[in-house]
């Protein structure tokens, strides 16, 4: 499954070109993770691979909207099929202005203190993933794990480690460029 995911990422998501990243940095390559996470086969592979890596006590998986949404949904669907249900949740950058203003959607499935995994499609500096961790913690969730589909290997793991969070990656930049 992992080898096929690397192939799909190379085919659908990896591009060798100059871009400005969300972090503001310039890069000579781009990984558009959503092209793979929104692909039917890619979603199935990622859902399975994330589910396999979840810590035994994790009951929820999610992260910042939009990048984490397909990963969380795929993992939740696969988890039910595999007999170990893990609920998806979404983290808004800003609480919605109508209804119930909150950052984390899907909380009815995740009472305070629930152990969760925060996910992202691509990590560069780790800032977005850490923002999701902070928002989850502020709403009473216990973030015990962090996963990314692709680690661009540009400081995210070190940034998060300095804040007590170990980043796990399904695929590294080195593997995409091999």
N, C-alpha and C. Protein backbone atom coordinates (compact mmCIF):
# COMPACT_ATOMS: atom_id res chain seq x y z
N UNK A 1 0.82 -1.20 0.00
CA UNK A 1 0.00 0.00 0.00
C UNK A 1 0.86 1.26 0.00
N UNK A 2 1.91 1.24 0.80
CA UNK A 2 2.74 2.43 0.90
C UNK A 2 3.46 2.73 -0.42
N UNK A 3 3.96 1.68 -1.06
CA UNK A 3 4.64 1.86 -2.35
C UNK A 3 3.68 2.44 -3.38
N UNK A 4 2.45 1.97 -3.38
CA UNK A 4 1.45 2.49 -4.32
C UNK A 4 1.13 3.95 -4.01
N UNK A 5 1.07 4.29 -2.71
CA UNK A 5 0.83 5.68 -2.34
C UNK A 5 1.94 6.58 -2.86
N UNK A 6 3.18 6.15 -2.75
CA UNK A 6 4.30 6.94 -3.27
C UNK A 6 4.14 7.14 -4.78
N UNK A 7 3.76 6.08 -5.49
CA UNK A 7 3.54 6.20 -6.94
C UNK A 7 2.45 7.21 -7.25
N UNK A 8 1.33 7.13 -6.53
CA UNK A 8 0.23 8.06 -6.76
C UNK A 8 0.63 9.50 -6.46
N UNK A 9 1.33 9.70 -5.36
CA UNK A 9 1.80 11.04 -5.01
C UNK A 9 2.70 11.60 -6.10
N UNK A 10 3.60 10.79 -6.62
CA UNK A 10 4.47 11.24 -7.70
C UNK A 10 3.66 11.60 -8.94
N UNK A 11 2.68 10.78 -9.23
CA UNK A 11 1.86 10.95 -10.43
C UNK A 11 0.90 12.14 -10.31
N UNK A 12 0.25 12.30 -9.15
CA UNK A 12 -0.82 13.28 -9.00
C UNK A 12 -0.44 14.56 -8.26
N UNK A 13 0.49 14.47 -7.33
CA UNK A 13 0.71 15.58 -6.40
C UNK A 13 2.06 16.29 -6.51
N UNK A 14 3.10 15.59 -6.88
CA UNK A 14 4.45 16.15 -6.87
C UNK A 14 4.72 16.91 -8.17
N UNK A 15 5.20 18.14 -8.02
CA UNK A 15 5.55 18.96 -9.18
C UNK A 15 6.88 19.65 -8.94
N UNK A 16 7.75 19.61 -9.94
CA UNK A 16 9.03 20.30 -9.85
C UNK A 16 8.83 21.67 -10.49
N UNK A 17 8.62 22.71 -9.65
CA UNK A 17 8.47 24.09 -10.16
C UNK A 17 8.58 25.03 -8.97
N UNK A 18 8.82 26.29 -9.27
CA UNK A 18 8.95 27.30 -8.21
C UNK A 18 7.56 27.71 -7.73
N UNK A 19 7.40 27.75 -6.40
CA UNK A 19 6.14 28.16 -5.79
C UNK A 19 6.43 28.88 -4.48
N UNK A 20 5.45 29.65 -4.01
CA UNK A 20 5.50 30.23 -2.68
C UNK A 20 4.55 29.41 -1.81
N UNK A 21 5.06 28.89 -0.71
CA UNK A 21 4.30 28.01 0.17
C UNK A 21 3.49 28.82 1.19
N UNK A 22 2.58 28.14 1.89
CA UNK A 22 1.76 28.78 2.92
C UNK A 22 2.63 29.43 3.99
N UNK A 23 3.81 28.87 4.22
CA UNK A 23 4.73 29.41 5.21
C UNK A 23 5.37 30.71 4.76
N UNK A 24 5.20 31.05 3.46
CA UNK A 24 5.83 32.24 2.89
C UNK A 24 7.16 31.94 2.23
N UNK A 25 7.66 30.75 2.43
CA UNK A 25 8.93 30.35 1.82
C UNK A 25 8.76 30.06 0.34
N UNK A 26 9.85 30.29 -0.41
CA UNK A 26 9.89 29.88 -1.81
C UNK A 26 10.44 28.47 -1.88
N UNK A 27 9.95 27.71 -2.84
CA UNK A 27 10.41 26.34 -2.99
C UNK A 27 10.53 26.01 -4.47
N UNK A 28 11.40 25.05 -4.79
CA UNK A 28 11.55 24.63 -6.19
C UNK A 28 10.73 23.38 -6.49
N UNK A 29 9.89 22.95 -5.53
CA UNK A 29 8.98 21.85 -5.79
C UNK A 29 7.71 22.06 -4.99
N UNK A 30 6.64 21.42 -5.42
CA UNK A 30 5.35 21.57 -4.78
C UNK A 30 4.71 20.20 -4.63
N UNK A 31 4.06 20.00 -3.50
CA UNK A 31 3.29 18.79 -3.29
C UNK A 31 1.85 19.21 -3.03
N UNK A 32 0.99 19.01 -4.02
CA UNK A 32 -0.43 19.33 -3.89
C UNK A 32 -1.12 18.07 -3.37
N UNK A 33 -1.04 17.87 -2.06
CA UNK A 33 -1.53 16.65 -1.43
C UNK A 33 -2.99 16.35 -1.72
N UNK A 34 -3.80 17.37 -1.88
CA UNK A 34 -5.23 17.16 -2.12
C UNK A 34 -5.51 16.39 -3.40
N UNK A 35 -4.61 16.49 -4.38
CA UNK A 35 -4.81 15.74 -5.61
C UNK A 35 -4.80 14.23 -5.35
N UNK A 36 -4.06 13.81 -4.33
CA UNK A 36 -4.01 12.39 -3.96
C UNK A 36 -5.03 12.06 -2.89
N UNK A 37 -5.20 12.93 -1.88
CA UNK A 37 -6.15 12.61 -0.80
C UNK A 37 -7.59 12.61 -1.30
N UNK A 38 -7.88 13.33 -2.38
CA UNK A 38 -9.23 13.37 -2.94
C UNK A 38 -9.44 12.36 -4.06
N UNK A 39 -8.42 11.64 -4.43
CA UNK A 39 -8.50 10.57 -5.42
C UNK A 39 -9.05 9.32 -4.71
N UNK A 40 -9.94 8.58 -5.36
CA UNK A 40 -10.58 7.43 -4.73
C UNK A 40 -9.56 6.42 -4.20
N UNK A 41 -8.60 6.04 -5.02
CA UNK A 41 -7.59 5.08 -4.58
C UNK A 41 -6.69 5.70 -3.52
N UNK A 42 -6.31 6.96 -3.73
CA UNK A 42 -5.46 7.64 -2.77
C UNK A 42 -6.12 7.73 -1.39
N UNK A 43 -7.40 8.07 -1.37
CA UNK A 43 -8.13 8.15 -0.09
C UNK A 43 -8.15 6.79 0.60
N UNK A 44 -8.40 5.75 -0.17
CA UNK A 44 -8.44 4.40 0.42
C UNK A 44 -7.08 4.01 0.99
N UNK A 45 -6.02 4.27 0.23
CA UNK A 45 -4.67 3.95 0.70
C UNK A 45 -4.33 4.74 1.96
N UNK A 46 -4.57 6.04 1.91
CA UNK A 46 -4.23 6.91 3.05
C UNK A 46 -5.06 6.54 4.27
N UNK A 47 -6.35 6.29 4.09
CA UNK A 47 -7.20 5.88 5.20
C UNK A 47 -6.68 4.63 5.88
N UNK A 48 -6.27 3.66 5.08
CA UNK A 48 -5.72 2.42 5.62
C UNK A 48 -4.39 2.64 6.32
N UNK A 49 -3.49 3.37 5.68
CA UNK A 49 -2.16 3.59 6.25
C UNK A 49 -2.22 4.42 7.53
N UNK A 50 -3.06 5.45 7.56
CA UNK A 50 -3.21 6.24 8.79
C UNK A 50 -3.81 5.37 9.89
N UNK A 51 -4.85 4.62 9.56
CA UNK A 51 -5.50 3.77 10.57
C UNK A 51 -4.52 2.77 11.17
N UNK A 52 -3.67 2.19 10.34
CA UNK A 52 -2.67 1.23 10.81
C UNK A 52 -1.69 1.87 11.79
N UNK A 53 -1.41 3.14 11.61
CA UNK A 53 -0.41 3.82 12.45
C UNK A 53 -0.98 4.45 13.71
N UNK A 54 -2.28 4.51 13.85
CA UNK A 54 -2.87 5.18 15.01
C UNK A 54 -2.50 4.48 16.31
N UNK A 55 -2.19 5.29 17.30
CA UNK A 55 -1.94 4.75 18.64
C UNK A 55 -3.20 4.03 19.11
N UNK A 56 -3.05 2.99 19.92
CA UNK A 56 -4.20 2.18 20.33
C UNK A 56 -5.31 2.95 21.05
N UNK A 57 -4.96 4.05 21.73
CA UNK A 57 -5.97 4.78 22.50
C UNK A 57 -6.61 5.94 21.75
N UNK A 58 -6.22 6.15 20.48
CA UNK A 58 -6.79 7.24 19.68
C UNK A 58 -8.22 6.90 19.27
N UNK A 59 -9.14 7.85 19.49
CA UNK A 59 -10.54 7.65 19.13
C UNK A 59 -11.03 8.70 18.12
N UNK A 60 -10.15 9.65 17.74
CA UNK A 60 -10.52 10.68 16.78
C UNK A 60 -9.34 11.07 15.93
N UNK A 61 -9.64 11.44 14.67
CA UNK A 61 -8.60 11.89 13.76
C UNK A 61 -9.13 13.08 12.97
N UNK A 62 -8.30 14.14 12.88
CA UNK A 62 -8.72 15.33 12.15
C UNK A 62 -7.62 16.36 12.14
N UNK A 63 -7.95 17.52 11.61
CA UNK A 63 -6.98 18.60 11.53
C UNK A 63 -7.60 19.80 10.87
N UNK A 64 -6.74 20.75 10.51
CA UNK A 64 -7.23 21.99 9.91
C UNK A 64 -7.94 21.73 8.58
N UNK A 65 -9.09 22.42 8.43
CA UNK A 65 -9.79 22.35 7.14
C UNK A 65 -8.89 23.04 6.12
N UNK A 66 -8.78 22.64 5.07
CA UNK A 66 -9.27 21.78 4.05
C UNK A 66 -8.35 20.56 3.91
N UNK A 67 -7.07 20.74 4.19
CA UNK A 67 -6.09 19.68 3.94
C UNK A 67 -6.34 18.39 4.69
N UNK A 68 -6.80 18.49 5.94
CA UNK A 68 -6.99 17.29 6.75
C UNK A 68 -8.33 16.61 6.50
N UNK A 69 -9.30 17.32 5.95
CA UNK A 69 -10.66 16.78 5.84
C UNK A 69 -10.74 15.43 5.12
N UNK A 70 -10.17 15.30 3.91
CA UNK A 70 -10.29 14.00 3.24
C UNK A 70 -9.54 12.89 3.96
N UNK A 71 -8.45 13.23 4.63
CA UNK A 71 -7.68 12.23 5.37
C UNK A 71 -8.50 11.72 6.55
N UNK A 72 -9.11 12.64 7.29
CA UNK A 72 -9.92 12.27 8.44
C UNK A 72 -11.13 11.44 8.01
N UNK A 73 -11.80 11.86 6.95
CA UNK A 73 -12.98 11.13 6.49
C UNK A 73 -12.61 9.73 6.00
N UNK A 74 -11.54 9.62 5.23
CA UNK A 74 -11.10 8.32 4.73
C UNK A 74 -10.72 7.39 5.88
N UNK A 75 -10.01 7.94 6.85
CA UNK A 75 -9.59 7.12 8.00
C UNK A 75 -10.79 6.65 8.80
N UNK A 76 -11.76 7.54 9.02
CA UNK A 76 -12.97 7.15 9.76
C UNK A 76 -13.71 6.04 9.03
N UNK A 77 -13.88 6.18 7.72
CA UNK A 77 -14.60 5.16 6.95
C UNK A 77 -13.88 3.82 6.99
N UNK A 78 -12.57 3.84 6.77
CA UNK A 78 -11.77 2.61 6.81
C UNK A 78 -11.83 1.99 8.21
N UNK A 79 -11.78 2.83 9.23
CA UNK A 79 -11.75 2.33 10.62
C UNK A 79 -13.00 1.55 10.96
N UNK A 80 -14.14 2.00 10.49
CA UNK A 80 -15.38 1.30 10.76
C UNK A 80 -15.36 -0.07 10.08
N UNK A 81 -14.92 -0.09 8.84
CA UNK A 81 -14.84 -1.34 8.08
C UNK A 81 -13.87 -2.33 8.74
N UNK A 82 -12.81 -1.82 9.34
CA UNK A 82 -11.80 -2.68 9.97
C UNK A 82 -12.17 -3.09 11.39
N UNK A 83 -13.29 -2.57 11.91
CA UNK A 83 -13.74 -2.99 13.24
C UNK A 83 -13.15 -2.22 14.40
N UNK A 84 -12.46 -1.14 14.13
CA UNK A 84 -11.92 -0.26 15.18
C UNK A 84 -12.29 1.16 14.83
N UNK A 85 -13.55 1.53 15.11
CA UNK A 85 -14.01 2.87 14.70
C UNK A 85 -13.25 4.01 15.36
N UNK A 86 -12.86 4.95 14.52
CA UNK A 86 -12.19 6.18 14.93
C UNK A 86 -12.96 7.30 14.24
N UNK A 87 -13.44 8.27 15.00
CA UNK A 87 -14.27 9.33 14.45
C UNK A 87 -13.44 10.45 13.84
N UNK A 88 -13.97 11.06 12.79
CA UNK A 88 -13.33 12.21 12.15
C UNK A 88 -13.79 13.49 12.84
N UNK A 89 -12.93 14.50 12.81
CA UNK A 89 -13.30 15.84 13.26
C UNK A 89 -12.60 16.86 12.38
N UNK A 90 -13.12 18.07 12.35
CA UNK A 90 -12.57 19.15 11.54
C UNK A 90 -12.20 20.31 12.44
N UNK A 91 -11.11 20.95 12.15
CA UNK A 91 -10.67 22.11 12.93
C UNK A 91 -10.72 23.34 12.03
N UNK A 92 -11.57 24.28 12.42
CA UNK A 92 -11.69 25.54 11.67
C UNK A 92 -10.60 26.51 12.13
N UNK A 93 -10.10 27.29 11.20
CA UNK A 93 -9.11 28.31 11.56
C UNK A 93 -9.76 29.40 12.39
N UNK A 94 -11.01 29.70 12.09
CA UNK A 94 -11.81 30.68 12.84
C UNK A 94 -13.15 30.03 13.15
N UNK A 95 -13.70 30.25 14.34
CA UNK A 95 -15.02 29.67 14.63
C UNK A 95 -16.07 30.28 13.70
N UNK A 96 -17.05 29.47 13.33
CA UNK A 96 -18.09 30.01 12.45
C UNK A 96 -18.86 31.11 13.16
N UNK A 97 -19.43 32.01 12.39
CA UNK A 97 -20.08 33.19 12.97
C UNK A 97 -21.56 32.98 13.24
N UNK A 98 -22.10 31.82 12.92
CA UNK A 98 -23.51 31.53 13.15
C UNK A 98 -23.64 30.20 13.90
N UNK A 99 -24.83 29.91 14.38
CA UNK A 99 -25.03 28.66 15.11
C UNK A 99 -24.19 28.63 16.37
N UNK A 100 -23.47 27.54 16.55
CA UNK A 100 -22.59 27.40 17.72
C UNK A 100 -21.17 27.73 17.28
N UNK A 101 -20.62 28.85 17.74
CA UNK A 101 -19.26 29.21 17.32
C UNK A 101 -18.22 28.31 18.01
N UNK A 102 -17.55 27.51 17.22
CA UNK A 102 -16.51 26.62 17.76
C UNK A 102 -15.46 26.37 16.70
N UNK A 103 -14.30 25.98 17.17
CA UNK A 103 -13.21 25.64 16.26
C UNK A 103 -13.29 24.19 15.79
N UNK A 104 -13.69 23.29 16.68
CA UNK A 104 -13.66 21.86 16.36
C UNK A 104 -15.07 21.36 16.08
N UNK A 105 -15.28 20.82 14.88
CA UNK A 105 -16.56 20.22 14.50
C UNK A 105 -16.46 18.71 14.67
N UNK A 106 -17.56 18.11 15.10
CA UNK A 106 -17.58 16.66 15.31
C UNK A 106 -17.42 16.28 16.77
N UNK A 107 -17.55 17.24 17.66
CA UNK A 107 -17.31 17.02 19.09
C UNK A 107 -18.34 16.11 19.75
N UNK A 108 -19.52 15.93 19.18
CA UNK A 108 -20.49 15.03 19.81
C UNK A 108 -19.96 13.60 19.88
N UNK A 109 -19.04 13.27 19.00
CA UNK A 109 -18.42 11.95 19.00
C UNK A 109 -17.17 11.89 19.88
N UNK A 110 -16.72 13.04 20.36
CA UNK A 110 -15.45 13.12 21.08
C UNK A 110 -15.61 13.93 22.36
N UNK A 111 -15.95 13.30 23.46
CA UNK A 111 -16.09 14.05 24.71
C UNK A 111 -14.75 14.61 25.17
N UNK A 112 -14.80 15.58 26.06
CA UNK A 112 -13.57 16.18 26.61
C UNK A 112 -12.64 15.08 27.10
N UNK A 113 -11.38 15.25 26.81
CA UNK A 113 -10.37 14.28 27.23
C UNK A 113 -10.12 13.18 26.21
N UNK A 114 -10.89 13.14 25.13
CA UNK A 114 -10.69 12.11 24.10
C UNK A 114 -9.30 12.23 23.50
N UNK A 115 -8.67 11.10 23.28
CA UNK A 115 -7.33 11.06 22.69
C UNK A 115 -7.48 11.08 21.17
N UNK A 116 -6.78 12.04 20.55
CA UNK A 116 -6.93 12.23 19.11
C UNK A 116 -5.58 12.33 18.41
N UNK A 117 -5.64 12.11 17.10
CA UNK A 117 -4.49 12.28 16.22
C UNK A 117 -4.79 13.43 15.28
N UNK A 118 -3.87 14.37 15.17
CA UNK A 118 -4.01 15.49 14.25
C UNK A 118 -3.25 15.14 12.97
N UNK A 119 -3.91 15.36 11.82
CA UNK A 119 -3.32 14.99 10.54
C UNK A 119 -3.26 16.19 9.60
N UNK A 120 -2.39 16.04 8.59
CA UNK A 120 -2.26 17.07 7.56
C UNK A 120 -1.77 16.38 6.28
N UNK A 121 -2.07 16.98 5.13
CA UNK A 121 -1.64 16.35 3.88
C UNK A 121 -0.15 16.56 3.62
N UNK A 122 0.34 17.78 3.87
CA UNK A 122 1.75 18.09 3.62
C UNK A 122 2.26 19.00 4.72
N UNK A 123 3.43 18.69 5.28
CA UNK A 123 4.04 19.54 6.32
C UNK A 123 5.34 20.12 5.81
N UNK A 124 5.51 21.42 6.04
CA UNK A 124 6.75 22.10 5.70
C UNK A 124 7.42 22.56 6.99
N UNK A 125 6.85 23.58 7.64
CA UNK A 125 7.43 24.11 8.88
C UNK A 125 6.74 23.54 10.12
N UNK A 126 5.54 23.00 9.97
CA UNK A 126 4.79 22.47 11.10
C UNK A 126 3.86 23.46 11.75
N UNK A 127 3.87 24.71 11.29
CA UNK A 127 3.05 25.75 11.90
C UNK A 127 1.56 25.48 11.83
N UNK A 128 1.06 25.04 10.68
CA UNK A 128 -0.37 24.75 10.54
C UNK A 128 -0.78 23.58 11.40
N UNK A 129 0.04 22.55 11.41
CA UNK A 129 -0.30 21.38 12.22
C UNK A 129 -0.31 21.76 13.70
N UNK A 130 0.65 22.57 14.11
CA UNK A 130 0.69 22.99 15.52
C UNK A 130 -0.51 23.85 15.88
N UNK A 131 -0.95 24.68 14.95
CA UNK A 131 -2.16 25.49 15.19
C UNK A 131 -3.35 24.57 15.45
N UNK A 132 -3.48 23.50 14.68
CA UNK A 132 -4.56 22.53 14.89
C UNK A 132 -4.44 21.89 16.27
N UNK A 133 -3.23 21.54 16.66
CA UNK A 133 -3.00 20.94 17.99
C UNK A 133 -3.47 21.91 19.08
N UNK A 134 -3.06 23.17 18.97
CA UNK A 134 -3.45 24.16 19.99
C UNK A 134 -4.97 24.32 20.07
N UNK A 135 -5.64 24.39 18.93
CA UNK A 135 -7.10 24.56 18.92
C UNK A 135 -7.80 23.34 19.49
N UNK A 136 -7.30 22.15 19.19
CA UNK A 136 -7.88 20.93 19.77
C UNK A 136 -7.72 20.92 21.29
N UNK A 137 -6.53 21.25 21.74
CA UNK A 137 -6.29 21.27 23.19
C UNK A 137 -7.16 22.31 23.88
N UNK A 138 -7.35 23.47 23.25
CA UNK A 138 -8.17 24.53 23.83
C UNK A 138 -9.62 24.07 23.98
N UNK A 139 -10.05 23.11 23.15
CA UNK A 139 -11.42 22.60 23.23
C UNK A 139 -11.50 21.30 24.02
N UNK A 140 -10.43 20.95 24.74
CA UNK A 140 -10.50 19.82 25.66
C UNK A 140 -10.11 18.47 25.10
N UNK A 141 -9.58 18.44 23.89
CA UNK A 141 -9.13 17.17 23.32
C UNK A 141 -7.67 16.93 23.70
N UNK A 142 -7.31 15.67 23.85
CA UNK A 142 -5.95 15.28 24.22
C UNK A 142 -5.23 14.80 22.96
N UNK A 143 -4.40 15.66 22.39
CA UNK A 143 -3.67 15.31 21.17
C UNK A 143 -2.47 14.44 21.56
N UNK A 144 -2.51 13.19 21.12
CA UNK A 144 -1.46 12.24 21.48
C UNK A 144 -0.62 11.80 20.29
N UNK A 145 -1.01 12.26 19.09
CA UNK A 145 -0.31 11.82 17.89
C UNK A 145 -0.48 12.85 16.78
N UNK A 146 0.53 12.94 15.91
CA UNK A 146 0.48 13.84 14.75
C UNK A 146 1.05 13.10 13.54
N UNK A 147 0.27 13.09 12.46
CA UNK A 147 0.66 12.40 11.23
C UNK A 147 0.51 13.32 10.03
N UNK A 148 1.40 13.18 9.07
CA UNK A 148 1.26 13.88 7.79
C UNK A 148 1.42 12.87 6.67
N UNK A 149 0.77 13.12 5.57
CA UNK A 149 0.95 12.23 4.42
C UNK A 149 2.35 12.44 3.87
N UNK A 150 2.76 13.71 3.65
CA UNK A 150 4.09 14.00 3.12
C UNK A 150 4.81 14.98 4.04
N UNK A 151 6.01 14.61 4.45
CA UNK A 151 6.89 15.53 5.18
C UNK A 151 7.88 16.09 4.17
N UNK A 152 7.82 17.39 3.94
CA UNK A 152 8.73 18.05 2.99
C UNK A 152 10.16 18.13 3.53
N UNK A 153 10.34 17.71 4.78
CA UNK A 153 11.65 17.69 5.42
C UNK A 153 12.31 19.07 5.45
N UNK A 154 11.51 20.07 5.87
CA UNK A 154 12.01 21.44 5.95
C UNK A 154 11.79 22.03 7.34
N UNK A 155 11.86 21.17 8.36
CA UNK A 155 11.82 21.68 9.72
C UNK A 155 10.59 21.36 10.54
N UNK A 156 9.55 20.81 9.94
CA UNK A 156 8.32 20.53 10.69
C UNK A 156 8.57 19.57 11.85
N UNK A 157 9.28 18.49 11.60
CA UNK A 157 9.51 17.49 12.66
C UNK A 157 10.25 18.11 13.83
N UNK A 158 11.25 18.93 13.54
CA UNK A 158 12.03 19.56 14.60
C UNK A 158 11.21 20.61 15.36
N UNK A 159 10.45 21.41 14.61
CA UNK A 159 9.59 22.44 15.22
C UNK A 159 8.60 21.79 16.18
N UNK A 160 7.95 20.73 15.72
CA UNK A 160 6.95 20.06 16.57
C UNK A 160 7.61 19.33 17.74
N UNK A 161 8.76 18.71 17.51
CA UNK A 161 9.46 18.00 18.59
C UNK A 161 9.83 18.96 19.72
N UNK A 162 10.21 20.19 19.36
CA UNK A 162 10.55 21.19 20.37
C UNK A 162 9.33 21.57 21.21
N UNK A 163 8.14 21.23 20.72
CA UNK A 163 6.89 21.51 21.44
C UNK A 163 6.25 20.24 21.99
N UNK A 164 7.05 19.18 22.03
CA UNK A 164 6.59 17.92 22.63
C UNK A 164 5.72 17.05 21.75
N UNK A 165 5.75 17.27 20.43
CA UNK A 165 4.92 16.50 19.51
C UNK A 165 5.81 15.79 18.51
N UNK A 166 5.66 14.48 18.42
CA UNK A 166 6.43 13.71 17.44
C UNK A 166 5.63 13.62 16.15
N UNK A 167 6.21 14.05 15.05
CA UNK A 167 5.56 14.00 13.75
C UNK A 167 5.92 12.69 13.05
N UNK A 168 4.90 11.99 12.59
CA UNK A 168 5.10 10.79 11.79
C UNK A 168 4.65 11.10 10.37
N UNK A 169 5.38 10.59 9.39
CA UNK A 169 5.04 10.83 7.99
C UNK A 169 4.82 9.50 7.28
N UNK A 170 3.81 9.47 6.42
CA UNK A 170 3.62 8.29 5.60
C UNK A 170 4.69 8.24 4.51
N UNK A 171 5.07 9.44 3.99
CA UNK A 171 6.04 9.53 2.90
C UNK A 171 6.92 10.76 3.14
N UNK A 172 8.19 10.64 2.83
CA UNK A 172 9.12 11.76 2.97
C UNK A 172 9.44 12.37 1.60
N UNK A 173 9.95 13.58 1.65
CA UNK A 173 10.42 14.26 0.43
C UNK A 173 11.43 13.39 -0.30
N UNK A 174 12.36 12.83 0.45
CA UNK A 174 13.41 12.00 -0.14
C UNK A 174 12.80 10.84 -0.95
N UNK A 175 11.75 10.24 -0.42
CA UNK A 175 11.10 9.13 -1.12
C UNK A 175 10.41 9.61 -2.40
N UNK A 176 9.81 10.79 -2.36
CA UNK A 176 9.15 11.33 -3.56
C UNK A 176 10.17 11.64 -4.64
N UNK A 177 11.34 12.10 -4.25
CA UNK A 177 12.35 12.52 -5.22
C UNK A 177 13.29 11.40 -5.64
N UNK A 178 13.16 10.23 -5.00
CA UNK A 178 14.06 9.09 -5.32
C UNK A 178 13.80 8.57 -6.73
